[in-house]
Structure formats: structure tokens, C-alpha cells
């Protein structure tokens, strides 16, 4: 265990972005606590000018959007306080003028060699000294917010009040901040605190007048056809790992099996609802042709794959 690890609340809290890098998929997201989610700008690793992860070589993805330095980034979500979240680029000036620019984080790494105080001067329990293990940037508290007169830099919540394409009269908005090389920049999306009120945002009931649409499912199967899932098995030929990636929405758990040509099961895995990937370690298998069988309980599809070293 490391200081400030998952679910820990200490004076020195581990920054998930550098510390969980091997666990992020091509779109810079991962599942945890029962939900797939993003901590950072959700464009694919392969599209960054400095590629810090080669996971896209194993299983590819497009990300939620692609950074375009010539256009205002799209609206990619809403924070728990109700304000919109945009990608990495926006208007240089808050009034919508000044052209398109990369929106900058106001946070910088502190010049410290040991964690004894927070950036605001608060005396806290000492954290580890800066070292090869606990490098500067390992903890979120290694950063401090620096005020900047340029309007393209964000406040301590990682947002600003500005005009956006969806809000021509202006709104407070967060941005998914990146560095010059498009790698993620702390505090990444929102934080460390919200601009608005984030408490009690779960919707228990809807009191407004709404229109309810009831789909007509007469004669339609509720089970997704495997042919509609755009299942890919790669690489082929493979040497160490075989990946099984689903391009569509997985509504039922999928059983995944690796078989030899006689139908004998060699390995098994599964892709659960909402997930997209399974893989087999095949380093111990002989060269040859194998079968990957995917089933959802009602239908089956089989793909051939070759192992060759």
C-alpha cells in the first residue's frame, strides 16, 4: 500500500493520473467502484503529441473526442454542481473573442523537498520526502494554484465564467486541461473543489412535467445479436496476448473461450455488461490456429486466431 492510495483521505493524497497510468484504457478511462469513468481529458492516448501509454496498440479506441487546436472543444459532460465540462480548447477571452487557444490550468508544482505544509501554509502531518518513489507530483498536494491575469488560465476550481458555443450568454464552465504536448494537466477536470454546490445531487424523484416515451418492443428480442457487437480478435498472428474487443454496447455478460481445433477449451474469460475487453495470455501455447468462442447464452460466434512466434 502507498500513502494516499485508493479511498484514502489523508493530508497527502495520491494523484491517480500518474500512479494509475497502467490501468487506463486507450480512452484514458477505467472501471472502478462499479463504474467506468474518466479522471482526465478523455481523448485517446494515441492522439497526444507525447504518447505516454501504448495501450492503444493492444486495444484501440477513439476516446470521447479528439483535440482540435483550431476549434472550441465540445461539451463532454456536466459536473455534480450542474456546470458544463468542456475539452481542452476554448476561446482565449472569456467574452468569446481572441481566437481558439489551449485553456490553461492555474496549478503548478510546488518547489518543495518534503511534505510538511500544504500550499496555503497549513501545518499537516508530514508526508514522505520527495524521492524517486514519491516524486514531486505523486501527491495532489504537491501542486499549488497561481493566479494569472490571462483569461485563458482557469481558477482554483479549474473553470471560469465564459462564453461557449452552447452558452452564448455565458456560463461557468470547467475544462479538461492538458499541457502543450496534450498530456493531462492537474487538476485535470474539476477540482480540487467545486465552484458550485455538489451535495445532494442524486435525483430521487422528478417533480416537473415531463413526457414519457415507452418503446414498443413487440416482436423484438431483448438480447443483443452478437453480429451487432462488432467483435474483433487481435493481433493475428499473436505471440504473447490475444485481445477480444467489443465495439458495441454489451447488454449481457459474454462468455469468452479459447479453444483448440478439436474444440477443447484451453482458457476462459468473460466480458461483463458495460465492459469492452477480455484477453488471453498465450505465451505457453504452441504455434498454430485456435478458435475464440464468444456466447451470451442464446447465440454464439467463433473467430479464428493464429499464434506464431
C-alpha atoms as a PDB file:
ATOM      1  CA  UNK A   1       0.000   0.000   0.000  1.00  0.00           C
ATOM      2  CA  UNK A   2       1.127   3.539  -0.651  1.00  0.00           C
ATOM      3  CA  UNK A   3       0.239   6.735   1.186  1.00  0.00           C
ATOM      4  CA  UNK A   4      -2.919   8.350  -0.112  1.00  0.00           C
ATOM      5  CA  UNK A   5      -3.985   5.296  -2.099  1.00  0.00           C
ATOM      6  CA  UNK A   6      -7.499   4.422  -3.340  1.00  0.00           C
ATOM      7  CA  UNK A   7     -10.307   5.536  -0.991  1.00  0.00           C
ATOM      8  CA  UNK A   8      -7.799   7.037   1.445  1.00  0.00           C
ATOM      9  CA  UNK A   9      -8.337  10.523   2.837  1.00  0.00           C
ATOM     10  CA  UNK A  10      -5.118  11.804   4.306  1.00  0.00           C
ATOM     11  CA  UNK A  11      -3.133  15.019   4.378  1.00  0.00           C
ATOM     12  CA  UNK A  12      -1.229  13.696   1.349  1.00  0.00           C
ATOM     13  CA  UNK A  13      -3.428  12.093  -1.311  1.00  0.00           C
ATOM     14  CA  UNK A  14      -2.068  10.106  -4.216  1.00  0.00           C
ATOM     15  CA  UNK A  15      -2.710  11.571  -7.681  1.00  0.00           C
ATOM     16  CA  UNK A  16      -4.457   8.881  -9.725  1.00  0.00           C
ATOM     17  CA  UNK A  17      -3.264  10.087 -13.129  1.00  0.00           C
ATOM     18  CA  UNK A  18       0.464   9.245 -12.872  1.00  0.00           C
ATOM     19  CA  UNK A  19       0.003   6.443 -10.356  1.00  0.00           C
ATOM     20  CA  UNK A  20      -2.717   4.506 -12.175  1.00  0.00           C
ATOM     21  CA  UNK A  21      -1.391   5.003 -15.708  1.00  0.00           C
ATOM     22  CA  UNK A  22      -1.044   1.241 -16.450  1.00  0.00           C
ATOM     23  CA  UNK A  23      -4.729   0.749 -15.587  1.00  0.00           C
ATOM     24  CA  UNK A  24      -6.174   3.286 -18.033  1.00  0.00           C
ATOM     25  CA  UNK A  25      -7.556   2.126 -21.366  1.00  0.00           C
ATOM     26  CA  UNK A  26      -6.914   3.788 -24.721  1.00  0.00           C
ATOM     27  CA  UNK A  27      -9.578   6.423 -23.969  1.00  0.00           C
ATOM     28  CA  UNK A  28      -7.899   7.274 -20.623  1.00  0.00           C
ATOM     29  CA  UNK A  29     -10.710   5.726 -18.603  1.00  0.00           C
ATOM     30  CA  UNK A  30     -11.070   2.675 -16.398  1.00  0.00           C
ATOM     31  CA  UNK A  31     -13.629   0.814 -14.289  1.00  0.00           C
ATOM     32  CA  UNK A  32     -13.538   1.152 -10.509  1.00  0.00           C
ATOM     33  CA  UNK A  33     -16.098   1.035  -7.710  1.00  0.00           C
ATOM     34  CA  UNK A  34     -18.608  -0.470 -10.145  1.00  0.00           C
ATOM     35  CA  UNK A  35     -18.420   2.333 -12.720  1.00  0.00           C
ATOM     36  CA  UNK A  36     -16.377   3.077 -15.810  1.00  0.00           C
ATOM     37  CA  UNK A  37     -15.123   6.644 -15.523  1.00  0.00           C
ATOM     38  CA  UNK A  38     -12.528   9.210 -16.539  1.00  0.00           C
ATOM     39  CA  UNK A  39     -10.201  11.196 -14.286  1.00  0.00           C
ATOM     40  CA  UNK A  40      -8.778  13.321 -17.096  1.00  0.00           C
ATOM     41  CA  UNK A  41      -9.128  14.681 -20.624  1.00  0.00           C
ATOM     42  CA  UNK A  42     -10.881  11.793 -22.416  1.00  0.00           C
ATOM     43  CA  UNK A  43      -9.106  11.856 -25.777  1.00  0.00           C
ATOM     44  CA  UNK A  44      -7.213   8.725 -26.800  1.00  0.00           C
ATOM     45  CA  UNK A  45      -3.603   8.274 -25.657  1.00  0.00           C
ATOM     46  CA  UNK A  46      -2.535   7.657 -29.262  1.00  0.00           C
ATOM     47  CA  UNK A  47      -3.661  11.177 -30.261  1.00  0.00           C
ATOM     48  CA  UNK A  48      -1.460  13.021 -27.766  1.00  0.00           C
ATOM     49  CA  UNK A  49       1.610  14.746 -29.156  1.00  0.00           C
ATOM     50  CA  UNK A  50       3.583  12.977 -26.430  1.00  0.00           C
ATOM     51  CA  UNK A  51       2.286   9.410 -26.174  1.00  0.00           C
ATOM     52  CA  UNK A  52       2.700   8.300 -22.552  1.00  0.00           C
ATOM     53  CA  UNK A  53       0.900   4.956 -22.900  1.00  0.00           C
ATOM     54  CA  UNK A  54       0.978   2.402 -25.714  1.00  0.00           C
ATOM     55  CA  UNK A  55      -2.226   0.669 -24.589  1.00  0.00           C
ATOM     56  CA  UNK A  56      -3.908   1.699 -27.862  1.00  0.00           C
ATOM     57  CA  UNK A  57      -1.575  -0.743 -29.627  1.00  0.00           C
ATOM     58  CA  UNK A  58      -3.164  -3.582 -27.659  1.00  0.00           C
ATOM     59  CA  UNK A  59      -6.777  -2.499 -27.991  1.00  0.00           C
ATOM     60  CA  UNK A  60      -7.778   0.581 -29.878  1.00  0.00           C
ATOM     61  CA  UNK A  61     -10.369   3.240 -29.102  1.00  0.00           C
ATOM     62  CA  UNK A  62     -11.314   6.701 -30.288  1.00  0.00           C
ATOM     63  CA  UNK A  63     -11.810   8.436 -26.939  1.00  0.00           C
ATOM     64  CA  UNK A  64     -14.793  10.668 -26.212  1.00  0.00           C
ATOM     65  CA  UNK A  65     -13.455  13.325 -28.566  1.00  0.00           C
ATOM     66  CA  UNK A  66     -10.310  14.298 -30.456  1.00  0.00           C
ATOM     67  CA  UNK A  67      -8.477  17.509 -29.602  1.00  0.00           C
ATOM     68  CA  UNK A  68      -8.676  20.082 -32.392  1.00  0.00           C
ATOM     69  CA  UNK A  69      -6.421  23.073 -31.751  1.00  0.00           C
ATOM     70  CA  UNK A  70      -8.372  25.131 -34.297  1.00  0.00           C
ATOM     71  CA  UNK A  71     -11.854  24.678 -32.820  1.00  0.00           C
ATOM     72  CA  UNK A  72     -13.581  25.117 -29.478  1.00  0.00           C
ATOM     73  CA  UNK A  73     -13.619  21.725 -27.777  1.00  0.00           C
ATOM     74  CA  UNK A  74     -17.013  20.051 -27.404  1.00  0.00           C
ATOM     75  CA  UNK A  75     -19.177  19.848 -24.331  1.00  0.00           C
ATOM     76  CA  UNK A  76     -18.194  16.485 -22.830  1.00  0.00           C
ATOM     77  CA  UNK A  77     -20.257  16.364 -19.645  1.00  0.00           C
ATOM     78  CA  UNK A  78     -21.624  18.081 -16.578  1.00  0.00           C
ATOM     79  CA  UNK A  79     -20.120  18.239 -13.104  1.00  0.00           C
ATOM     80  CA  UNK A  80     -22.030  17.327  -9.936  1.00  0.00           C
ATOM     81  CA  UNK A  81     -22.673  21.005  -9.292  1.00  0.00           C
ATOM     82  CA  UNK A  82     -24.501  21.276 -12.617  1.00  0.00           C
ATOM     83  CA  UNK A  83     -21.951  23.267 -14.595  1.00  0.00           C
ATOM     84  CA  UNK A  84     -20.739  22.089 -18.029  1.00  0.00           C
ATOM     85  CA  UNK A  85     -17.374  20.465 -18.709  1.00  0.00           C
ATOM     86  CA  UNK A  86     -15.545  21.159 -21.963  1.00  0.00           C
ATOM     87  CA  UNK A  87     -12.491  19.620 -23.584  1.00  0.00           C
ATOM     88  CA  UNK A  88      -9.047  21.204 -23.710  1.00  0.00           C
ATOM     89  CA  UNK A  89      -9.511  24.168 -26.091  1.00  0.00           C
ATOM     90  CA  UNK A  90     -11.734  27.223 -25.912  1.00  0.00           C
ATOM     91  CA  UNK A  91     -11.934  30.919 -26.667  1.00  0.00           C
ATOM     92  CA  UNK A  92      -8.892  32.859 -25.483  1.00  0.00           C
ATOM     93  CA  UNK A  93     -11.033  35.516 -23.851  1.00  0.00           C
ATOM     94  CA  UNK A  94     -13.974  34.973 -21.551  1.00  0.00           C
ATOM     95  CA  UNK A  95     -16.219  37.079 -23.824  1.00  0.00           C
ATOM     96  CA  UNK A  96     -15.729  34.664 -26.724  1.00  0.00           C
ATOM     97  CA  UNK A  97     -13.089  36.677 -28.592  1.00  0.00           C
ATOM     98  CA  UNK A  98      -9.366  36.223 -29.131  1.00  0.00           C
ATOM     99  CA  UNK A  99      -9.451  33.080 -31.233  1.00  0.00           C
ATOM    100  CA  UNK A 100      -9.042  29.478 -30.129  1.00  0.00           C
ATOM    101  CA  UNK A 101      -6.396  28.555 -27.575  1.00  0.00           C
ATOM    102  CA  UNK A 102      -5.454  25.781 -25.201  1.00  0.00           C
ATOM    103  CA  UNK A 103      -7.131  26.545 -21.890  1.00  0.00           C
ATOM    104  CA  UNK A 104      -4.509  26.533 -19.159  1.00  0.00           C
ATOM    105  CA  UNK A 105      -4.549  25.094 -15.677  1.00  0.00           C
ATOM    106  CA  UNK A 106      -3.609  27.591 -12.988  1.00  0.00           C
ATOM    107  CA  UNK A 107      -1.803  24.910 -10.981  1.00  0.00           C
ATOM    108  CA  UNK A 108       1.953  24.410 -10.810  1.00  0.00           C
ATOM    109  CA  UNK A 109       4.203  22.000  -8.938  1.00  0.00           C
ATOM    110  CA  UNK A 110       5.463  23.443  -5.671  1.00  0.00           C
ATOM    111  CA  UNK A 111       9.167  23.887  -5.000  1.00  0.00           C
ATOM    112  CA  UNK A 112       9.426  21.526  -2.026  1.00  0.00           C
ATOM    113  CA  UNK A 113      11.632  18.626  -0.984  1.00  0.00           C
ATOM    114  CA  UNK A 114       9.430  17.314   1.821  1.00  0.00           C
ATOM    115  CA  UNK A 115       5.723  17.380   2.577  1.00  0.00           C
ATOM    116  CA  UNK A 116       5.313  19.324   5.807  1.00  0.00           C
ATOM    117  CA  UNK A 117       2.762  22.014   4.921  1.00  0.00           C
ATOM    118  CA  UNK A 118       0.022  22.450   2.360  1.00  0.00           C
ATOM    119  CA  UNK A 119       0.327  25.207  -0.221  1.00  0.00           C
ATOM    120  CA  UNK A 120      -1.837  27.542   1.880  1.00  0.00           C
ATOM    121  CA  UNK A 121       0.601  27.206   4.786  1.00  0.00           C
ATOM    122  CA  UNK A 122      -1.465  24.751   6.823  1.00  0.00           C
ATOM    123  CA  UNK A 123       0.768  22.631   9.051  1.00  0.00           C
ATOM    124  CA  UNK A 124      -0.187  18.987   8.480  1.00  0.00           C
ATOM    125  CA  UNK A 125       1.155  15.547   9.283  1.00  0.00           C
ATOM    126  CA  UNK A 126       4.383  15.115   7.378  1.00  0.00           C
ATOM    127  CA  UNK A 127       4.301  13.156   4.159  1.00  0.00           C
ATOM    128  CA  UNK A 128       7.226  11.275   2.616  1.00  0.00           C
ATOM    129  CA  UNK A 129      10.235  13.255   1.467  1.00  0.00           C
ATOM    130  CA  UNK A 130      10.443  13.811  -2.274  1.00  0.00           C
ATOM    131  CA  UNK A 131      12.315  10.872  -3.789  1.00  0.00           C
ATOM    132  CA  UNK A 132      12.385   8.571  -6.790  1.00  0.00           C
ATOM    133  CA  UNK A 133       9.419   6.740  -5.271  1.00  0.00           C
ATOM    134  CA  UNK A 134       7.465   9.762  -4.048  1.00  0.00           C
ATOM    135  CA  UNK A 135       8.381  12.146  -6.830  1.00  0.00           C
ATOM    136  CA  UNK A 136       7.076  15.698  -6.992  1.00  0.00           C
ATOM    137  CA  UNK A 137       3.595  15.263  -8.414  1.00  0.00           C
ATOM    138  CA  UNK A 138       2.949  11.924  -6.720  1.00  0.00           C
ATOM    139  CA  UNK A 139       0.523  13.658  -4.357  1.00  0.00           C
ATOM    140  CA  UNK A 140      -2.207  16.126  -5.288  1.00  0.00           C
ATOM    141  CA  UNK A 141      -0.948  18.379  -2.510  1.00  0.00           C
ATOM    142  CA  UNK A 142       2.330  18.781  -4.417  1.00  0.00           C
ATOM    143  CA  UNK A 143       0.534  21.402  -6.540  1.00  0.00           C
ATOM    144  CA  UNK A 144      -0.421  24.986  -5.805  1.00  0.00           C
ATOM    145  CA  UNK A 145      -2.697  27.384  -7.648  1.00  0.00           C
ATOM    146  CA  UNK A 146      -1.060  30.537  -9.012  1.00  0.00           C
ATOM    147  CA  UNK A 147      -3.228  33.468 -10.070  1.00  0.00           C
ATOM    148  CA  UNK A 148      -2.772  34.526 -13.696  1.00  0.00           C
ATOM    149  CA  UNK A 149      -4.007  37.707 -15.380  1.00  0.00           C
ATOM    150  CA  UNK A 150      -4.511  35.959 -18.732  1.00  0.00           C
ATOM    151  CA  UNK A 151      -8.146  34.957 -19.180  1.00  0.00           C
ATOM    152  CA  UNK A 152      -7.203  31.633 -20.791  1.00  0.00           C
ATOM    153  CA  UNK A 153      -5.999  30.380 -17.387  1.00  0.00           C
ATOM    154  CA  UNK A 154      -8.524  28.864 -15.010  1.00  0.00           C
ATOM    155  CA  UNK A 155      -9.401  29.498 -11.384  1.00  0.00           C
ATOM    156  CA  UNK A 156      -8.699  27.197  -8.435  1.00  0.00           C
ATOM    157  CA  UNK A 157     -11.734  25.050  -9.373  1.00  0.00           C
ATOM    158  CA  UNK A 158     -10.347  24.542 -12.901  1.00  0.00           C
ATOM    159  CA  UNK A 159     -13.060  26.622 -14.508  1.00  0.00           C
ATOM    160  CA  UNK A 160     -14.046  30.155 -15.470  1.00  0.00           C
ATOM    161  CA  UNK A 161     -17.143  32.169 -16.363  1.00  0.00           C
ATOM    162  CA  UNK A 162     -17.119  32.493 -20.153  1.00  0.00           C
ATOM    163  CA  UNK A 163     -18.987  32.289 -23.429  1.00  0.00           C
ATOM    164  CA  UNK A 164     -19.087  28.873 -25.115  1.00  0.00           C
ATOM    165  CA  UNK A 165     -20.834  27.656 -28.279  1.00  0.00           C
ATOM    166  CA  UNK A 166     -23.668  26.145 -26.218  1.00  0.00           C
ATOM    167  CA  UNK A 167     -23.900  29.126 -23.850  1.00  0.00           C
ATOM    168  CA  UNK A 168     -23.659  32.316 -25.955  1.00  0.00           C
ATOM    169  CA  UNK A 169     -24.740  34.411 -22.964  1.00  0.00           C
ATOM    170  CA  UNK A 170     -22.055  32.911 -20.765  1.00  0.00           C
ATOM    171  CA  UNK A 171     -21.840  30.254 -18.072  1.00  0.00           C
ATOM    172  CA  UNK A 172     -19.401  28.985 -15.534  1.00  0.00           C
ATOM    173  CA  UNK A 173     -17.593  26.061 -17.182  1.00  0.00           C
ATOM    174  CA  UNK A 174     -14.902  23.557 -16.320  1.00  0.00           C
ATOM    175  CA  UNK A 175     -12.260  22.448 -18.834  1.00  0.00           C
ATOM    176  CA  UNK A 176     -10.321  19.191 -19.188  1.00  0.00           C
ATOM    177  CA  UNK A 177      -6.857  20.726 -19.045  1.00  0.00           C
ATOM    178  CA  UNK A 178      -3.792  19.477 -20.916  1.00  0.00           C
ATOM    179  CA  UNK A 179      -0.174  20.554 -21.314  1.00  0.00           C
ATOM    180  CA  UNK A 180       1.492  21.789 -24.512  1.00  0.00           C
ATOM    181  CA  UNK A 181       2.033  18.181 -25.596  1.00  0.00           C
ATOM    182  CA  UNK A 182      -1.652  17.353 -24.869  1.00  0.00           C
ATOM    183  CA  UNK A 183      -0.880  15.124 -21.914  1.00  0.00           C
ATOM    184  CA  UNK A 184      -3.171  15.695 -18.959  1.00  0.00           C
ATOM    185  CA  UNK A 185      -2.567  18.707 -16.690  1.00  0.00           C
ATOM    186  CA  UNK A 186      -3.522  18.817 -12.998  1.00  0.00           C
ATOM    187  CA  UNK A 187      -6.253  19.137 -11.724  1.00  0.00           C
ATOM    188  CA  UNK A 188      -7.426  17.517 -14.978  1.00  0.00           C
ATOM    189  CA  UNK A 189     -11.167  18.307 -14.909  1.00  0.00           C
ATOM    190  CA  UNK A 190     -12.762  19.594 -11.694  1.00  0.00           C
ATOM    191  CA  UNK A 191     -11.036  20.448  -8.522  1.00  0.00           C
ATOM    192  CA  UNK A 192      -9.754  20.155  -6.040  1.00  0.00           C
ATOM    193  CA  UNK A 193     -13.103  21.756  -5.066  1.00  0.00           C
ATOM    194  CA  UNK A 194     -16.321  22.542  -6.918  1.00  0.00           C
ATOM    195  CA  UNK A 195     -17.304  26.053  -7.926  1.00  0.00           C
ATOM    196  CA  UNK A 196     -20.948  25.354  -7.085  1.00  0.00           C
ATOM    197  CA  UNK A 197     -22.777  23.132  -4.619  1.00  0.00           C
ATOM    198  CA  UNK A 198     -22.198  19.450  -5.323  1.00  0.00           C
ATOM    199  CA  UNK A 199     -24.053  17.943  -2.340  1.00  0.00           C
ATOM    200  CA  UNK A 200     -27.382  16.122  -2.644  1.00  0.00           C
ATOM    201  CA  UNK A 201     -27.308  15.901  -6.419  1.00  0.00           C
ATOM    202  CA  UNK A 202     -28.824  12.405  -6.640  1.00  0.00           C
ATOM    203  CA  UNK A 203     -32.290  12.526  -8.233  1.00  0.00           C
ATOM    204  CA  UNK A 204     -34.783  10.608  -6.081  1.00  0.00           C
ATOM    205  CA  UNK A 205     -37.859  11.829  -7.961  1.00  0.00           C
ATOM    206  CA  UNK A 206     -38.852  14.142 -10.814  1.00  0.00           C
ATOM    207  CA  UNK A 207     -41.464  16.743  -9.907  1.00  0.00           C
ATOM    208  CA  UNK A 208     -41.511  18.630 -13.200  1.00  0.00           C
ATOM    209  CA  UNK A 209     -43.955  17.893 -16.018  1.00  0.00           C
ATOM    210  CA  UNK A 210     -42.251  15.510 -18.427  1.00  0.00           C
ATOM    211  CA  UNK A 211     -43.094  13.467 -21.500  1.00  0.00           C
ATOM    212  CA  UNK A 212     -42.525   9.740 -21.044  1.00  0.00           C
ATOM    213  CA  UNK A 213     -41.677   7.683 -24.099  1.00  0.00           C
ATOM    214  CA  UNK A 214     -42.490   3.969 -23.891  1.00  0.00           C
ATOM    215  CA  UNK A 215     -40.710   1.922 -26.574  1.00  0.00           C
ATOM    216  CA  UNK A 216     -42.757  -0.662 -28.438  1.00  0.00           C
ATOM    217  CA  UNK A 217     -40.802  -3.882 -28.098  1.00  0.00           C
ATOM    218  CA  UNK A 218     -43.437  -6.149 -29.637  1.00  0.00           C
ATOM    219  CA  UNK A 219     -41.737  -8.854 -31.654  1.00  0.00           C
ATOM    220  CA  UNK A 220     -38.238  -7.649 -30.763  1.00  0.00           C
ATOM    221  CA  UNK A 221     -35.671  -9.687 -28.859  1.00  0.00           C
ATOM    222  CA  UNK A 222     -34.225  -8.026 -25.762  1.00  0.00           C
ATOM    223  CA  UNK A 223     -30.960  -9.877 -26.336  1.00  0.00           C
ATOM    224  CA  UNK A 224     -28.291  -8.172 -28.409  1.00  0.00           C
ATOM    225  CA  UNK A 225     -27.268 -10.113 -31.501  1.00  0.00           C
ATOM    226  CA  UNK A 226     -23.570 -10.901 -31.377  1.00  0.00           C
ATOM    227  CA  UNK A 227     -23.382  -9.845 -35.022  1.00  0.00           C
ATOM    228  CA  UNK A 228     -24.263  -6.297 -33.931  1.00  0.00           C
ATOM    229  CA  UNK A 229     -21.444  -6.053 -31.394  1.00  0.00           C
ATOM    230  CA  UNK A 230     -18.556  -5.609 -33.852  1.00  0.00           C
ATOM    231  CA  UNK A 231     -16.311  -8.110 -32.055  1.00  0.00           C
ATOM    232  CA  UNK A 232     -12.632  -8.058 -33.004  1.00  0.00           C
ATOM    233  CA  UNK A 233      -9.931 -10.575 -32.050  1.00  0.00           C
ATOM    234  CA  UNK A 234      -6.350  -9.377 -32.455  1.00  0.00           C
ATOM    235  CA  UNK A 235      -3.497  -9.438 -33.126  1.00  0.00           C
ATOM    236  CA  UNK A 236      -3.386 -12.328 -35.570  1.00  0.00           C
ATOM    237  CA  UNK A 237      -0.833 -13.734 -35.722  1.00  0.00           C
ATOM    238  CA  UNK A 238      -0.342 -13.285 -31.989  1.00  0.00           C
ATOM    239  CA  UNK A 239       2.713 -14.062 -29.907  1.00  0.00           C
ATOM    240  CA  UNK A 240       2.016 -13.227 -26.258  1.00  0.00           C
ATOM    241  CA  UNK A 241      -1.515 -11.880 -25.837  1.00  0.00           C
ATOM    242  CA  UNK A 242      -4.816 -12.254 -27.680  1.00  0.00           C
ATOM    243  CA  UNK A 243      -7.305  -9.423 -27.099  1.00  0.00           C
ATOM    244  CA  UNK A 244     -11.049  -9.663 -27.655  1.00  0.00           C
ATOM    245  CA  UNK A 245     -12.641  -6.225 -28.024  1.00  0.00           C
ATOM    246  CA  UNK A 246     -16.332  -5.429 -28.399  1.00  0.00           C
ATOM    247  CA  UNK A 247     -17.172  -2.317 -30.394  1.00  0.00           C
ATOM    248  CA  UNK A 248     -20.866  -2.245 -29.494  1.00  0.00           C
ATOM    249  CA  UNK A 249     -22.747  -1.919 -26.210  1.00  0.00           C
ATOM    250  CA  UNK A 250     -22.572  -5.114 -24.150  1.00  0.00           C
ATOM    251  CA  UNK A 251     -26.015  -5.588 -22.567  1.00  0.00           C
ATOM    252  CA  UNK A 252     -25.484  -9.170 -21.362  1.00  0.00           C
ATOM    253  CA  UNK A 253     -22.452 -10.872 -19.859  1.00  0.00           C
ATOM    254  CA  UNK A 254     -20.410 -12.615 -22.545  1.00  0.00           C
ATOM    255  CA  UNK A 255     -18.592 -15.909 -22.029  1.00  0.00           C
ATOM    256  CA  UNK A 256     -15.270 -15.975 -23.899  1.00  0.00           C
ATOM    257  CA  UNK A 257     -13.375 -19.217 -24.516  1.00  0.00           C
ATOM    258  CA  UNK A 258     -10.117 -20.083 -26.252  1.00  0.00           C
ATOM    259  CA  UNK A 259     -10.329 -23.490 -27.957  1.00  0.00           C
ATOM    260  CA  UNK A 260      -8.040 -25.678 -29.999  1.00  0.00           C
ATOM    261  CA  UNK A 261      -9.279 -27.008 -33.346  1.00  0.00           C
ATOM    262  CA  UNK A 262     -10.748 -30.116 -31.679  1.00  0.00           C
ATOM    263  CA  UNK A 263     -12.998 -27.900 -29.562  1.00  0.00           C
ATOM    264  CA  UNK A 264     -11.086 -28.471 -26.327  1.00  0.00           C
ATOM    265  CA  UNK A 265     -11.243 -25.471 -24.003  1.00  0.00           C
ATOM    266  CA  UNK A 266      -7.805 -24.102 -23.159  1.00  0.00           C
ATOM    267  CA  UNK A 267      -8.708 -20.844 -21.416  1.00  0.00           C
ATOM    268  CA  UNK A 268     -11.836 -18.933 -20.467  1.00  0.00           C
ATOM    269  CA  UNK A 269     -12.761 -15.384 -19.557  1.00  0.00           C
ATOM    270  CA  UNK A 270     -15.791 -13.104 -19.666  1.00  0.00           C
ATOM    271  CA  UNK A 271     -16.828  -9.624 -20.699  1.00  0.00           C
ATOM    272  CA  UNK A 272     -19.356  -8.243 -18.233  1.00  0.00           C
ATOM    273  CA  UNK A 273     -22.184  -5.861 -19.062  1.00  0.00           C
ATOM    274  CA  UNK A 274     -20.814  -2.423 -19.895  1.00  0.00           C
ATOM    275  CA  UNK A 275     -17.263  -3.645 -20.415  1.00  0.00           C
ATOM    276  CA  UNK A 276     -15.452  -3.993 -23.738  1.00  0.00           C
ATOM    277  CA  UNK A 277     -12.385  -6.166 -23.363  1.00  0.00           C
ATOM    278  CA  UNK A 278     -11.070  -9.609 -22.482  1.00  0.00           C
ATOM    279  CA  UNK A 279      -7.668 -11.076 -23.198  1.00  0.00           C
ATOM    280  CA  UNK A 280      -5.754 -14.341 -23.011  1.00  0.00           C
ATOM    281  CA  UNK A 281      -2.095 -14.823 -22.160  1.00  0.00           C
ATOM    282  CA  UNK A 282      -0.927 -17.303 -24.816  1.00  0.00           C
ATOM    283  CA  UNK A 283       2.821 -17.363 -24.172  1.00  0.00           C
ATOM    284  CA  UNK A 284       2.627 -21.038 -23.128  1.00  0.00           C
ATOM    285  CA  UNK A 285       0.639 -22.222 -26.164  1.00  0.00           C
ATOM    286  CA  UNK A 286       2.147 -23.801 -29.271  1.00  0.00           C
ATOM    287  CA  UNK A 287       2.138 -22.113 -32.673  1.00  0.00           C
ATOM    288  CA  UNK A 288      -0.968 -22.894 -34.669  1.00  0.00           C
ATOM    289  CA  UNK A 289      -4.582 -21.969 -35.342  1.00  0.00           C
ATOM    290  CA  UNK A 290      -7.032 -21.570 -32.472  1.00  0.00           C
ATOM    291  CA  UNK A 291     -10.663 -20.580 -32.029  1.00  0.00           C
ATOM    292  CA  UNK A 292     -12.122 -17.822 -29.863  1.00  0.00           C
ATOM    293  CA  UNK A 293     -15.736 -18.595 -28.953  1.00  0.00           C
ATOM    294  CA  UNK A 294     -17.991 -15.815 -27.653  1.00  0.00           C
ATOM    295  CA  UNK A 295     -21.509 -16.535 -26.366  1.00  0.00           C
ATOM    296  CA  UNK A 296     -24.264 -14.717 -24.487  1.00  0.00           C
ATOM    297  CA  UNK A 297     -26.365 -17.748 -23.574  1.00  0.00           C
ATOM    298  CA  UNK A 298     -28.556 -17.606 -26.662  1.00  0.00           C
ATOM    299  CA  UNK A 299     -26.187 -17.104 -29.574  1.00  0.00           C
ATOM    300  CA  UNK A 300     -22.573 -17.946 -30.336  1.00  0.00           C
ATOM    301  CA  UNK A 301     -19.916 -16.534 -32.633  1.00  0.00           C
ATOM    302  CA  UNK A 302     -16.487 -18.004 -33.307  1.00  0.00           C
ATOM    303  CA  UNK A 303     -13.346 -16.267 -34.570  1.00  0.00           C
ATOM    304  CA  UNK A 304     -10.107 -17.831 -35.793  1.00  0.00           C
ATOM    305  CA  UNK A 305      -6.774 -16.613 -34.496  1.00  0.00           C
ATOM    306  CA  UNK A 306      -3.213 -17.693 -35.262  1.00  0.00           C
ATOM    307  CA  UNK A 307      -0.353 -17.949 -32.773  1.00  0.00           C
ATOM    308  CA  UNK A 308       3.072 -17.644 -34.367  1.00  0.00           C
ATOM    309  CA  UNK A 309       6.372 -16.651 -32.772  1.00  0.00           C
END
